[in-house]
N, C-alpha and C. Protein backbone atom coordinates (compact mmCIF):
# COMPACT_ATOMS: atom_id res chain seq x y z
N ILE A 1 -9.90 97.15 65.00
CA ILE A 1 -8.58 96.66 64.52
C ILE A 1 -8.75 95.54 63.88
N PRO A 2 -9.55 94.53 64.55
CA PRO A 2 -9.83 93.08 63.49
C PRO A 2 -10.59 93.47 62.31
N LEU A 3 -11.43 94.49 62.11
CA LEU A 3 -11.93 94.59 61.02
C LEU A 3 -10.81 95.10 59.69
N LEU A 4 -9.77 95.91 60.34
CA LEU A 4 -8.73 96.24 59.48
C LEU A 4 -7.88 95.15 59.06
N ILE A 5 -7.48 94.33 60.18
CA ILE A 5 -6.47 93.05 59.90
C ILE A 5 -7.11 92.25 58.99
N LEU A 6 -8.61 91.74 59.36
CA LEU A 6 -8.94 90.70 58.41
C LEU A 6 -9.18 91.38 56.93
N GLY A 7 -9.73 92.52 57.02
CA GLY A 7 -9.91 93.09 55.30
C GLY A 7 -8.83 93.20 54.69
N TRP A 8 -7.57 93.36 55.31
CA TRP A 8 -6.12 93.60 54.62
C TRP A 8 -6.00 92.27 54.38
N THR A 9 -6.10 91.31 55.21
CA THR A 9 -5.83 89.90 54.87
C THR A 9 -6.66 89.40 53.59
N ILE A 10 -7.64 89.59 53.61
CA ILE A 10 -8.63 89.03 52.49
C ILE A 10 -8.02 90.02 51.08
N PHE A 11 -7.82 91.31 51.10
CA PHE A 11 -7.49 91.94 49.99
C PHE A 11 -5.94 91.47 49.52
N PHE A 12 -5.06 91.05 50.49
CA PHE A 12 -3.84 90.62 50.29
C PHE A 12 -3.63 89.34 49.70
N PHE A 13 -4.46 88.44 50.28
CA PHE A 13 -4.17 86.94 49.94
C PHE A 13 -5.21 86.42 48.78
N TYR A 14 -6.36 87.17 48.63
CA TYR A 14 -7.47 86.82 47.75
C TYR A 14 -7.61 87.86 46.94
N PRO A 15 -6.55 88.47 45.97
CA PRO A 15 -6.98 89.86 45.41
C PRO A 15 -8.23 89.66 44.33
N LYS A 16 -8.32 88.56 43.80
CA LYS A 16 -9.33 88.74 42.57
C LYS A 16 -10.72 88.44 43.15
N VAL A 17 -10.98 87.87 44.44
CA VAL A 17 -12.40 88.06 44.66
C VAL A 17 -12.45 89.17 45.95
N SER A 18 -11.32 89.80 46.56
CA SER A 18 -11.49 90.61 47.65
C SER A 18 -12.75 91.58 47.48
N TYR A 19 -12.73 92.12 46.45
CA TYR A 19 -13.86 93.30 46.38
C TYR A 19 -15.21 92.63 46.21
N ARG A 20 -15.44 91.73 45.57
CA ARG A 20 -16.62 91.03 45.51
C ARG A 20 -17.12 90.13 47.00
N ALA A 21 -16.27 89.72 47.67
CA ALA A 21 -16.30 89.14 48.91
C ALA A 21 -16.60 90.12 49.93
N PHE A 22 -16.09 91.40 49.87
CA PHE A 22 -16.31 92.23 50.75
C PHE A 22 -17.75 92.79 50.44
N ILE A 23 -18.04 93.03 49.38
CA ILE A 23 -19.34 93.77 49.11
C ILE A 23 -20.49 92.83 49.66
N MET A 24 -20.40 91.50 49.26
CA MET A 24 -21.22 90.37 49.31
C MET A 24 -21.43 90.15 50.95
N ILE A 25 -20.17 90.09 51.70
CA ILE A 25 -20.63 89.99 53.14
C ILE A 25 -21.06 91.17 53.74
N TYR A 26 -20.69 92.42 53.46
CA TYR A 26 -21.37 93.39 53.92
C TYR A 26 -22.64 93.80 53.62
N ILE A 27 -23.19 93.60 52.31
CA ILE A 27 -24.64 93.76 52.13
C ILE A 27 -25.46 92.85 52.51
N LEU A 28 -25.00 91.43 52.15
CA LEU A 28 -26.13 90.27 52.54
C LEU A 28 -25.96 90.11 54.29
N THR A 29 -25.06 90.47 54.83
CA THR A 29 -25.12 90.43 56.43
C THR A 29 -26.06 91.64 57.03
N ASP A 30 -25.83 92.55 56.30
CA ASP A 30 -26.92 93.78 56.73
C ASP A 30 -28.45 93.17 56.32
N PHE A 31 -28.58 92.92 55.21
CA PHE A 31 -29.81 92.68 54.66
C PHE A 31 -30.49 91.58 55.61
N LEU A 32 -29.89 90.37 55.82
CA LEU A 32 -30.25 89.25 56.62
C LEU A 32 -30.55 90.06 57.93
N VAL A 33 -29.80 90.59 58.76
CA VAL A 33 -30.20 91.00 59.89
C VAL A 33 -31.39 91.95 59.75
N TRP A 34 -31.51 92.82 58.76
CA TRP A 34 -32.67 93.56 58.78
C TRP A 34 -33.86 92.87 58.49
N LEU A 35 -33.72 91.64 57.72
CA LEU A 35 -34.94 90.92 57.49
C LEU A 35 -35.27 89.94 58.71
N PHE A 36 -34.37 89.38 59.30
CA PHE A 36 -34.90 88.28 60.37
C PHE A 36 -34.34 88.79 61.89
N ALA A 37 -33.85 89.74 62.10
CA ALA A 37 -33.09 89.96 63.57
C ALA A 37 -34.33 90.55 64.39
N ARG A 38 -34.15 90.34 65.63
CA ARG A 38 -35.12 91.05 66.64
C ARG A 38 -35.13 92.68 66.30
N GLN A 39 -36.18 93.06 66.89
CA GLN A 39 -36.71 94.68 66.86
C GLN A 39 -35.89 95.28 67.78
N VAL A 40 -34.53 95.29 67.69
CA VAL A 40 -33.38 96.16 68.66
C VAL A 40 -32.65 96.86 67.80
N TYR A 41 -31.85 97.58 68.37
CA TYR A 41 -30.65 98.21 67.84
C TYR A 41 -29.59 97.35 67.40
N HIS A 42 -29.04 97.24 66.22
CA HIS A 42 -27.74 96.70 65.57
C HIS A 42 -26.73 97.47 65.40
N ILE A 43 -25.68 97.74 66.15
CA ILE A 43 -24.86 98.97 65.76
C ILE A 43 -23.49 98.26 65.80
N GLY A 44 -22.54 98.62 64.63
CA GLY A 44 -21.21 98.35 64.80
C GLY A 44 -21.18 97.43 63.46
N ALA A 45 -19.60 96.96 63.25
CA ALA A 45 -19.22 96.26 62.31
C ALA A 45 -19.19 94.55 62.75
N SER A 46 -19.49 94.19 63.90
CA SER A 46 -19.23 93.00 64.11
C SER A 46 -19.47 91.89 63.04
N GLY A 47 -20.92 92.13 62.71
CA GLY A 47 -21.07 91.09 61.63
C GLY A 47 -20.44 90.94 60.48
N ILE A 48 -19.69 91.91 59.97
CA ILE A 48 -18.68 91.96 58.97
C ILE A 48 -17.45 91.41 59.54
N VAL A 49 -16.92 91.35 60.92
CA VAL A 49 -16.06 91.12 61.27
C VAL A 49 -16.17 89.38 61.35
N TYR A 50 -17.30 88.95 61.69
CA TYR A 50 -17.72 87.53 61.72
C TYR A 50 -17.59 86.93 60.27
N GLY A 51 -18.22 87.81 59.42
CA GLY A 51 -18.03 87.20 58.04
C GLY A 51 -16.67 86.98 57.26
N PHE A 52 -15.70 88.24 57.71
CA PHE A 52 -14.44 87.84 57.30
C PHE A 52 -13.65 86.72 57.82
N VAL A 53 -13.93 86.42 59.16
CA VAL A 53 -13.25 85.46 59.82
C VAL A 53 -13.90 84.12 59.15
N SER A 54 -15.11 83.90 59.17
CA SER A 54 -15.62 82.95 58.40
C SER A 54 -15.39 82.76 57.07
N PHE A 55 -15.10 83.67 56.33
CA PHE A 55 -14.87 83.67 54.82
C PHE A 55 -13.28 83.02 54.67
N LEU A 56 -12.50 83.50 55.57
CA LEU A 56 -10.88 83.00 55.63
C LEU A 56 -11.12 81.57 56.16
N PHE A 57 -11.65 81.29 57.41
CA PHE A 57 -11.57 79.87 57.80
C PHE A 57 -12.06 78.94 56.62
N PHE A 58 -13.31 79.31 56.19
CA PHE A 58 -13.94 78.33 55.15
C PHE A 58 -13.17 78.31 53.74
N SER A 59 -12.59 79.23 53.50
CA SER A 59 -11.59 79.50 52.15
C SER A 59 -10.65 78.29 52.42
N GLY A 60 -9.93 78.21 53.56
CA GLY A 60 -8.98 77.07 53.63
C GLY A 60 -9.44 75.64 53.49
N ILE A 61 -10.60 75.64 54.20
CA ILE A 61 -11.29 74.17 53.96
C ILE A 61 -11.69 73.99 52.69
N PHE A 62 -12.34 74.74 51.74
CA PHE A 62 -12.82 74.53 50.44
C PHE A 62 -11.78 74.70 49.53
N ARG A 63 -10.68 75.50 49.66
CA ARG A 63 -9.56 75.50 48.54
C ARG A 63 -8.40 74.24 48.71
N ARG A 64 -8.13 74.04 49.92
CA ARG A 64 -7.21 73.06 50.38
C ARG A 64 -5.70 73.34 49.78
N ASP A 65 -5.43 74.44 49.65
CA ASP A 65 -3.89 74.76 49.12
C ASP A 65 -3.40 75.02 50.51
N ASN A 66 -1.85 75.05 50.43
CA ASN A 66 -1.24 75.34 51.62
C ASN A 66 -1.28 76.57 52.19
N LYS A 67 -1.39 77.75 51.41
CA LYS A 67 -1.70 79.11 51.81
C LYS A 67 -2.91 79.40 52.54
N SER A 68 -4.15 78.81 51.69
CA SER A 68 -5.35 78.79 52.20
C SER A 68 -5.48 78.43 53.64
N VAL A 69 -4.92 76.94 53.89
CA VAL A 69 -5.13 76.34 55.17
C VAL A 69 -4.42 77.14 56.16
N ALA A 70 -2.85 77.22 55.92
CA ALA A 70 -2.27 78.21 56.91
C ALA A 70 -2.70 79.27 57.44
N LEU A 71 -3.86 80.11 56.51
CA LEU A 71 -4.40 81.25 56.71
C LEU A 71 -5.60 81.01 57.82
N ALA A 72 -6.38 79.60 57.43
CA ALA A 72 -7.42 79.23 58.09
C ALA A 72 -6.98 79.04 59.59
N LEU A 73 -5.52 78.15 59.84
CA LEU A 73 -5.35 77.94 60.99
C LEU A 73 -4.98 79.15 61.87
N LEU A 74 -4.30 80.19 61.17
CA LEU A 74 -3.87 81.28 61.86
C LEU A 74 -5.37 82.11 62.19
N VAL A 75 -6.35 82.23 61.37
CA VAL A 75 -7.43 82.76 61.64
C VAL A 75 -8.10 82.17 63.01
N THR A 76 -8.03 81.11 62.86
CA THR A 76 -8.70 80.18 63.99
C THR A 76 -7.82 80.33 65.18
N PHE A 77 -6.68 80.47 65.22
CA PHE A 77 -5.84 80.75 66.68
C PHE A 77 -6.18 81.98 66.99
N LEU A 78 -6.14 82.93 66.14
CA LEU A 78 -6.30 84.31 66.67
C LEU A 78 -7.91 84.77 66.95
N TYR A 79 -8.75 84.07 66.21
CA TYR A 79 -10.14 84.76 66.51
C TYR A 79 -11.05 83.41 66.74
N GLY A 80 -10.44 82.36 67.28
CA GLY A 80 -11.19 81.14 67.45
C GLY A 80 -12.51 81.44 68.58
N GLY A 81 -12.12 82.46 69.45
CA GLY A 81 -13.00 82.65 70.57
C GLY A 81 -14.40 83.31 70.25
N LEU A 82 -14.41 83.93 68.73
CA LEU A 82 -15.55 84.43 68.46
C LEU A 82 -16.76 83.57 67.99
N VAL A 83 -16.29 82.20 67.78
CA VAL A 83 -17.42 81.28 67.54
C VAL A 83 -18.49 81.11 68.94
N TRP A 84 -18.28 81.78 69.81
CA TRP A 84 -19.26 81.73 71.06
C TRP A 84 -20.16 82.99 70.99
N GLY A 85 -19.63 83.94 69.99
CA GLY A 85 -20.63 85.20 69.71
C GLY A 85 -21.83 84.85 68.82
N VAL A 86 -21.82 83.57 68.21
CA VAL A 86 -23.06 83.48 67.33
C VAL A 86 -24.16 82.94 68.15
N LEU A 87 -24.06 82.59 69.39
CA LEU A 87 -24.96 82.30 70.35
C LEU A 87 -25.53 83.30 71.05
N PRO A 88 -26.97 83.07 71.22
CA PRO A 88 -27.44 84.15 71.94
C PRO A 88 -26.84 83.99 73.35
N GLY A 89 -26.25 85.40 74.12
CA GLY A 89 -25.65 85.06 75.24
C GLY A 89 -26.02 86.41 76.10
N GLN A 90 -25.36 87.44 75.91
CA GLN A 90 -25.40 88.65 76.75
C GLN A 90 -26.59 89.46 76.12
N GLU A 91 -27.57 90.09 77.03
CA GLU A 91 -28.31 90.85 76.66
C GLU A 91 -27.85 92.06 76.09
N GLY A 92 -28.51 92.74 75.03
CA GLY A 92 -27.86 93.83 74.20
C GLY A 92 -26.95 93.63 73.32
N ILE A 93 -26.28 92.55 73.10
CA ILE A 93 -25.35 92.13 71.99
C ILE A 93 -26.37 91.40 70.79
N SER A 94 -25.97 92.10 69.78
CA SER A 94 -26.60 91.66 68.60
C SER A 94 -25.95 90.31 67.93
N TRP A 95 -26.23 89.25 68.64
CA TRP A 95 -25.77 87.91 67.98
C TRP A 95 -26.32 87.40 66.73
N GLU A 96 -27.42 88.17 66.46
CA GLU A 96 -27.88 87.91 65.07
C GLU A 96 -27.06 88.39 63.83
N SER A 97 -26.50 89.70 64.16
CA SER A 97 -25.32 90.09 63.28
C SER A 97 -24.08 89.08 63.16
N HIS A 98 -23.73 88.55 64.23
CA HIS A 98 -22.47 87.67 64.32
C HIS A 98 -22.85 86.39 63.62
N LEU A 99 -24.22 85.69 63.64
CA LEU A 99 -24.59 84.60 63.28
C LEU A 99 -24.82 84.79 61.60
N PHE A 100 -25.40 85.85 61.24
CA PHE A 100 -25.48 85.91 59.91
C PHE A 100 -24.43 86.45 59.05
N GLY A 101 -23.32 87.10 59.84
CA GLY A 101 -22.08 87.43 59.10
C GLY A 101 -21.39 85.87 59.06
N ALA A 102 -21.21 85.24 60.00
CA ALA A 102 -20.69 83.86 59.82
C ALA A 102 -21.34 82.92 58.53
N ILE A 103 -22.67 83.01 58.46
CA ILE A 103 -23.23 82.18 57.47
C ILE A 103 -22.81 82.78 56.15
N VAL A 104 -22.87 84.19 55.90
CA VAL A 104 -22.69 84.70 54.64
C VAL A 104 -20.99 84.58 54.57
N GLY A 105 -20.29 84.49 55.19
CA GLY A 105 -18.85 84.33 55.27
C GLY A 105 -18.61 82.96 54.57
N LEU A 106 -19.42 81.90 55.15
CA LEU A 106 -19.45 80.43 54.80
C LEU A 106 -20.00 80.56 53.29
N ILE A 107 -20.74 81.17 53.01
CA ILE A 107 -21.43 81.07 51.65
C ILE A 107 -20.72 81.85 50.44
N THR A 108 -20.07 82.80 50.96
CA THR A 108 -18.83 83.50 50.25
C THR A 108 -17.87 82.67 49.73
N ALA A 109 -17.20 82.26 50.95
CA ALA A 109 -16.20 81.10 50.63
C ALA A 109 -16.20 80.21 49.55
N PHE A 110 -17.64 79.62 49.77
CA PHE A 110 -18.01 78.61 48.84
C PHE A 110 -18.29 78.89 47.50
N ILE A 111 -18.82 80.12 47.33
CA ILE A 111 -18.98 80.53 45.71
C ILE A 111 -17.75 80.98 45.11
N PHE A 112 -16.60 81.43 46.02
CA PHE A 112 -15.39 81.95 45.39
C PHE A 112 -14.31 80.74 45.60
N ARG A 113 -14.84 79.58 45.92
CA ARG A 113 -13.65 78.68 46.16
C ARG A 113 -12.57 78.43 45.05
N LYS A 114 -13.33 78.47 43.65
CA LYS A 114 -12.32 77.97 42.54
C LYS A 114 -11.86 79.34 41.96
N VAL A 115 -12.26 80.63 42.42
CA VAL A 115 -11.41 81.81 41.65
C VAL A 115 -10.27 82.07 42.43
N ASP A 116 -9.32 82.45 41.58
CA ASP A 116 -7.98 82.86 42.38
C ASP A 116 -7.23 81.75 42.94
N PRO A 117 -7.20 80.60 41.83
CA PRO A 117 -6.26 79.39 42.44
C PRO A 117 -5.02 79.54 42.58
N PRO A 118 -4.37 79.03 43.42
CA PRO A 118 -3.02 78.98 43.77
C PRO A 118 -2.01 78.62 42.70
N LYS A 119 -0.75 79.10 42.45
CA LYS A 119 -0.03 78.86 41.27
C LYS A 119 0.39 77.69 41.39
N LYS A 120 0.37 76.74 40.33
CA LYS A 120 1.06 75.46 40.03
C LYS A 120 2.36 75.50 39.38
N TYR A 121 3.27 75.01 40.07
CA TYR A 121 4.64 75.00 39.64
C TYR A 121 5.01 73.57 38.96
N ASP A 122 5.98 73.56 38.23
CA ASP A 122 6.39 72.31 37.25
C ASP A 122 6.58 71.28 38.08
N TRP A 123 7.34 71.58 39.18
CA TRP A 123 7.91 70.36 40.06
C TRP A 123 6.71 69.58 40.86
N GLU A 124 5.69 70.53 40.88
CA GLU A 124 4.45 69.97 41.68
C GLU A 124 3.92 68.56 40.76
N ASP A 125 3.97 68.57 39.37
CA ASP A 125 3.47 67.59 38.42
C ASP A 125 4.71 66.38 38.38
N GLU A 126 5.68 66.38 38.92
CA GLU A 126 6.51 65.54 38.64
C GLU A 126 6.07 64.35 39.46
N PRO A 127 6.56 63.01 39.03
CA PRO A 127 6.17 61.94 39.82
C PRO A 127 6.88 61.80 41.08
N ASP A 128 6.34 61.07 42.36
CA ASP A 128 6.74 61.37 43.56
C ASP A 128 7.80 59.69 43.55
N ASP A 129 7.60 59.12 42.63
CA ASP A 129 8.10 57.65 42.74
C ASP A 129 9.33 57.66 42.16
N PHE A 130 10.24 58.63 42.07
CA PHE A 130 11.64 58.74 41.55
C PHE A 130 12.69 57.96 42.53
N ASN A 131 13.38 56.69 41.79
CA ASN A 131 14.04 56.01 42.54
C ASN A 131 15.55 56.33 42.23
N VAL A 132 16.45 56.62 43.26
CA VAL A 132 17.77 57.16 42.94
C VAL A 132 18.73 55.78 42.54
N ASP A 133 18.26 54.78 42.87
CA ASP A 133 19.03 53.56 42.51
C ASP A 133 19.00 53.11 41.21
N GLU A 134 17.69 53.52 40.54
CA GLU A 134 17.73 53.34 38.79
C GLU A 134 18.54 54.26 38.21
N LEU A 135 19.10 55.36 38.81
CA LEU A 135 19.63 56.24 37.89
C LEU A 135 21.04 56.05 37.40
N GLU A 136 21.10 55.99 36.23
CA GLU A 136 22.50 55.54 35.75
C GLU A 136 23.21 56.95 35.20
N VAL A 137 24.37 57.18 35.57
CA VAL A 137 25.20 58.29 35.26
C VAL A 137 26.46 57.96 34.73
N SER A 138 26.87 58.47 33.43
CA SER A 138 28.25 58.11 33.00
C SER A 138 29.02 59.61 32.59
N TYR A 139 30.29 59.56 32.70
CA TYR A 139 31.18 60.66 32.34
C TYR A 139 31.57 60.34 30.94
N ASP A 140 31.60 61.54 30.18
CA ASP A 140 32.02 61.21 28.71
C ASP A 140 33.33 62.23 28.65
N PRO A 141 34.27 62.07 28.80
CA PRO A 141 35.64 62.91 28.88
C PRO A 141 36.08 63.65 27.73
N GLU A 142 35.48 63.12 26.51
CA GLU A 142 35.74 63.74 25.12
C GLU A 142 34.83 65.06 24.79
N LYS A 143 33.57 64.75 25.50
CA LYS A 143 32.58 65.87 25.54
C LYS A 143 32.71 66.69 26.82
N ASN A 144 33.30 66.35 27.83
CA ASN A 144 33.39 66.93 29.06
C ASN A 144 32.22 66.94 29.67
N ARG A 145 31.29 66.24 29.62
CA ARG A 145 29.82 66.30 30.46
C ARG A 145 29.47 64.99 31.01
N PHE A 146 28.55 64.83 31.73
CA PHE A 146 27.90 63.80 32.23
C PHE A 146 26.56 63.34 31.42
N ASN A 147 26.24 61.97 31.33
CA ASN A 147 25.14 61.47 30.57
C ASN A 147 24.32 60.66 31.77
N TYR A 148 23.12 61.07 31.63
CA TYR A 148 22.00 60.42 32.44
C TYR A 148 21.20 59.69 31.66
């Protein structure tokens, strides 16, 4: 279920990079596990889940827009306990998949940090130092309108 939820989240909130991010996380995580991990069985999609969590978390840090930061906080709240899975712990658990998934997610978030930027609205460019006291308003009864 986490794979589906996190995958949907990436495809919904980052549509321009979702396919490339998914392929990068999937292939690079498996390649690094194949290259550097112990000679044991590595079964499951947990490396991809760690890659997705890492991608969503670090996208919020690198992009710094409201949507990405809120998503990073939500992912941290829901999946924050996964951080202990990147350390060797339980025998028979492929912590290497978790570690490499998290590393690849971080790298992927860094690579795609400037792709799919948030929309910029006109009101965001307005100066914040607007002073209401300096506003002069007059009413012209002949034209039936206010003058600013």
